[in-house]
Amino acid sequence: MNAYLSTGKMAAHLGYSYDWLRKNKHRFTKGVHYEQAPGAHPRWNVEAMEKWLKGEPVLDPQAAKILETVLL
């Protein structure tokens, strides 16, 4: 199970400002880097955001399943 943080806590965890993360949310993939129910604030996926910070690729779950099937 992945841990999720609020925007403020995720920004602090990564060393970015709250405003930077909020204004740049469009750079990230919903369902991979964050989850957001209608009318709710985003909850950021800690593992995916740490990989982004390190420059590691992060696949969306559907792409990962397809790749896993092809590589078997």
C-alpha atoms as a PDB file:
ATOM      1  CA  MET A   1       0.000   0.000   0.000  1.00  0.00           C
ATOM      2  CA  ASN A   2       1.312   3.434  -0.906  1.00  0.00           C
ATOM      3  CA  ALA A   3       1.399   6.309   1.548  1.00  0.00           C
ATOM      4  CA  TYR A   4      -0.227   9.585   0.535  1.00  0.00           C
ATOM      5  CA  LEU A   5       0.377  13.102   1.818  1.00  0.00           C
ATOM      6  CA  SER A   6      -1.427  16.413   1.548  1.00  0.00           C
ATOM      7  CA  THR A   7       0.017  19.070  -0.764  1.00  0.00           C
ATOM      8  CA  GLY A   8       1.676  20.957   2.079  1.00  0.00           C
ATOM      9  CA  LYS A   9       3.236  17.867   3.625  1.00  0.00           C
ATOM     10  CA  MET A  10       4.378  16.531   0.247  1.00  0.00           C
ATOM     11  CA  ALA A  11       5.943  19.866  -0.678  1.00  0.00           C
ATOM     12  CA  ALA A  12       7.855  19.935   2.614  1.00  0.00           C
ATOM     13  CA  HIS A  13       8.891  16.281   2.173  1.00  0.00           C
ATOM     14  CA  LEU A  14      10.325  17.007  -1.280  1.00  0.00           C
ATOM     15  CA  GLY A  15      11.849  20.360  -0.396  1.00  0.00           C
ATOM     16  CA  TYR A  16       9.504  22.403  -2.597  1.00  0.00           C
ATOM     17  CA  SER A  17       7.077  25.116  -1.596  1.00  0.00           C
ATOM     18  CA  TYR A  18       3.369  24.488  -1.225  1.00  0.00           C
ATOM     19  CA  ASP A  19       2.686  27.083  -3.953  1.00  0.00           C
ATOM     20  CA  TRP A  20       5.123  25.463  -6.397  1.00  0.00           C
ATOM     21  CA  LEU A  21       3.525  22.039  -6.032  1.00  0.00           C
ATOM     22  CA  ARG A  22      -0.006  23.441  -6.260  1.00  0.00           C
ATOM     23  CA  LYS A  23       0.780  25.545  -9.348  1.00  0.00           C
ATOM     24  CA  ASN A  24       2.645  22.704 -11.079  1.00  0.00           C
ATOM     25  CA  LYS A  25       0.150  19.902 -10.431  1.00  0.00           C
ATOM     26  CA  HIS A  26      -0.472  19.770 -14.203  1.00  0.00           C
ATOM     27  CA  ARG A  27       3.063  18.355 -14.614  1.00  0.00           C
ATOM     28  CA  PHE A  28       2.067  15.190 -12.760  1.00  0.00           C
ATOM     29  CA  THR A  29      -0.235  12.311 -13.667  1.00  0.00           C
ATOM     30  CA  LYS A  30      -3.479  11.815 -11.782  1.00  0.00           C
ATOM     31  CA  GLY A  31      -3.711   8.201 -10.652  1.00  0.00           C
ATOM     32  CA  VAL A  32       0.075   7.901 -10.542  1.00  0.00           C
ATOM     33  CA  HIS A  33       1.529  10.885  -8.705  1.00  0.00           C
ATOM     34  CA  TYR A  34      -1.660  11.918  -6.938  1.00  0.00           C
ATOM     35  CA  GLU A  35      -5.289  10.986  -6.355  1.00  0.00           C
ATOM     36  CA  GLN A  36      -8.092  13.507  -6.179  1.00  0.00           C
ATOM     37  CA  ALA A  37     -11.766  12.888  -5.659  1.00  0.00           C
ATOM     38  CA  PRO A  38     -14.177  15.494  -7.105  1.00  0.00           C
ATOM     39  CA  GLY A  39     -14.272  18.504  -4.819  1.00  0.00           C
ATOM     40  CA  ALA A  40     -11.412  17.244  -2.644  1.00  0.00           C
ATOM     41  CA  HIS A  41      -7.800  18.299  -2.278  1.00  0.00           C
ATOM     42  CA  PRO A  42      -5.156  16.112  -3.952  1.00  0.00           C
ATOM     43  CA  ARG A  43      -3.380  13.417  -1.958  1.00  0.00           C
ATOM     44  CA  TRP A  44       0.152  12.841  -3.255  1.00  0.00           C
ATOM     45  CA  ASN A  45       1.706   9.379  -3.677  1.00  0.00           C
ATOM     46  CA  VAL A  46       4.956   9.450  -1.676  1.00  0.00           C
ATOM     47  CA  GLU A  47       6.676   6.644  -3.611  1.00  0.00           C
ATOM     48  CA  ALA A  48       5.850   8.074  -7.051  1.00  0.00           C
ATOM     49  CA  MET A  49       6.876  11.602  -6.066  1.00  0.00           C
ATOM     50  CA  GLU A  50      10.176  10.400  -4.604  1.00  0.00           C
ATOM     51  CA  LYS A  51      10.884   8.592  -7.883  1.00  0.00           C
ATOM     52  CA  TRP A  52      10.041  11.778  -9.798  1.00  0.00           C
ATOM     53  CA  LEU A  53      12.456  13.733  -7.596  1.00  0.00           C
ATOM     54  CA  LYS A  54      15.225  11.217  -8.381  1.00  0.00           C
ATOM     55  CA  GLY A  55      14.404  11.321 -12.104  1.00  0.00           C
ATOM     56  CA  GLU A  56      13.230   7.709 -12.134  1.00  0.00           C
ATOM     57  CA  PRO A  57      10.428   6.773 -14.529  1.00  0.00           C
ATOM     58  CA  VAL A  58       7.003   6.079 -13.058  1.00  0.00           C
ATOM     59  CA  LEU A  59       4.463   4.180 -15.170  1.00  0.00           C
ATOM     60  CA  ASP A  60       0.751   4.443 -14.702  1.00  0.00           C
ATOM     61  CA  PRO A  61      -0.719   1.161 -13.398  1.00  0.00           C
ATOM     62  CA  GLN A  62      -2.261   0.149 -16.733  1.00  0.00           C
ATOM     63  CA  ALA A  63       1.006   0.690 -18.626  1.00  0.00           C
ATOM     64  CA  ALA A  64       2.901  -1.284 -15.976  1.00  0.00           C
ATOM     65  CA  LYS A  65       0.511  -4.260 -16.375  1.00  0.00           C
ATOM     66  CA  ILE A  66       0.901  -4.201 -20.161  1.00  0.00           C
ATOM     67  CA  LEU A  67       4.691  -4.035 -19.896  1.00  0.00           C
ATOM     68  CA  GLU A  68       4.730  -6.871 -17.362  1.00  0.00           C
ATOM     69  CA  THR A  69       2.631  -9.042 -19.697  1.00  0.00           C
ATOM     70  CA  VAL A  70       4.920  -8.350 -22.674  1.00  0.00           C
ATOM     71  CA  LEU A  71       8.112  -9.060 -20.731  1.00  0.00           C
ATOM     72  CA  LEU A  72       6.929 -12.440 -19.376  1.00  0.00           C
END
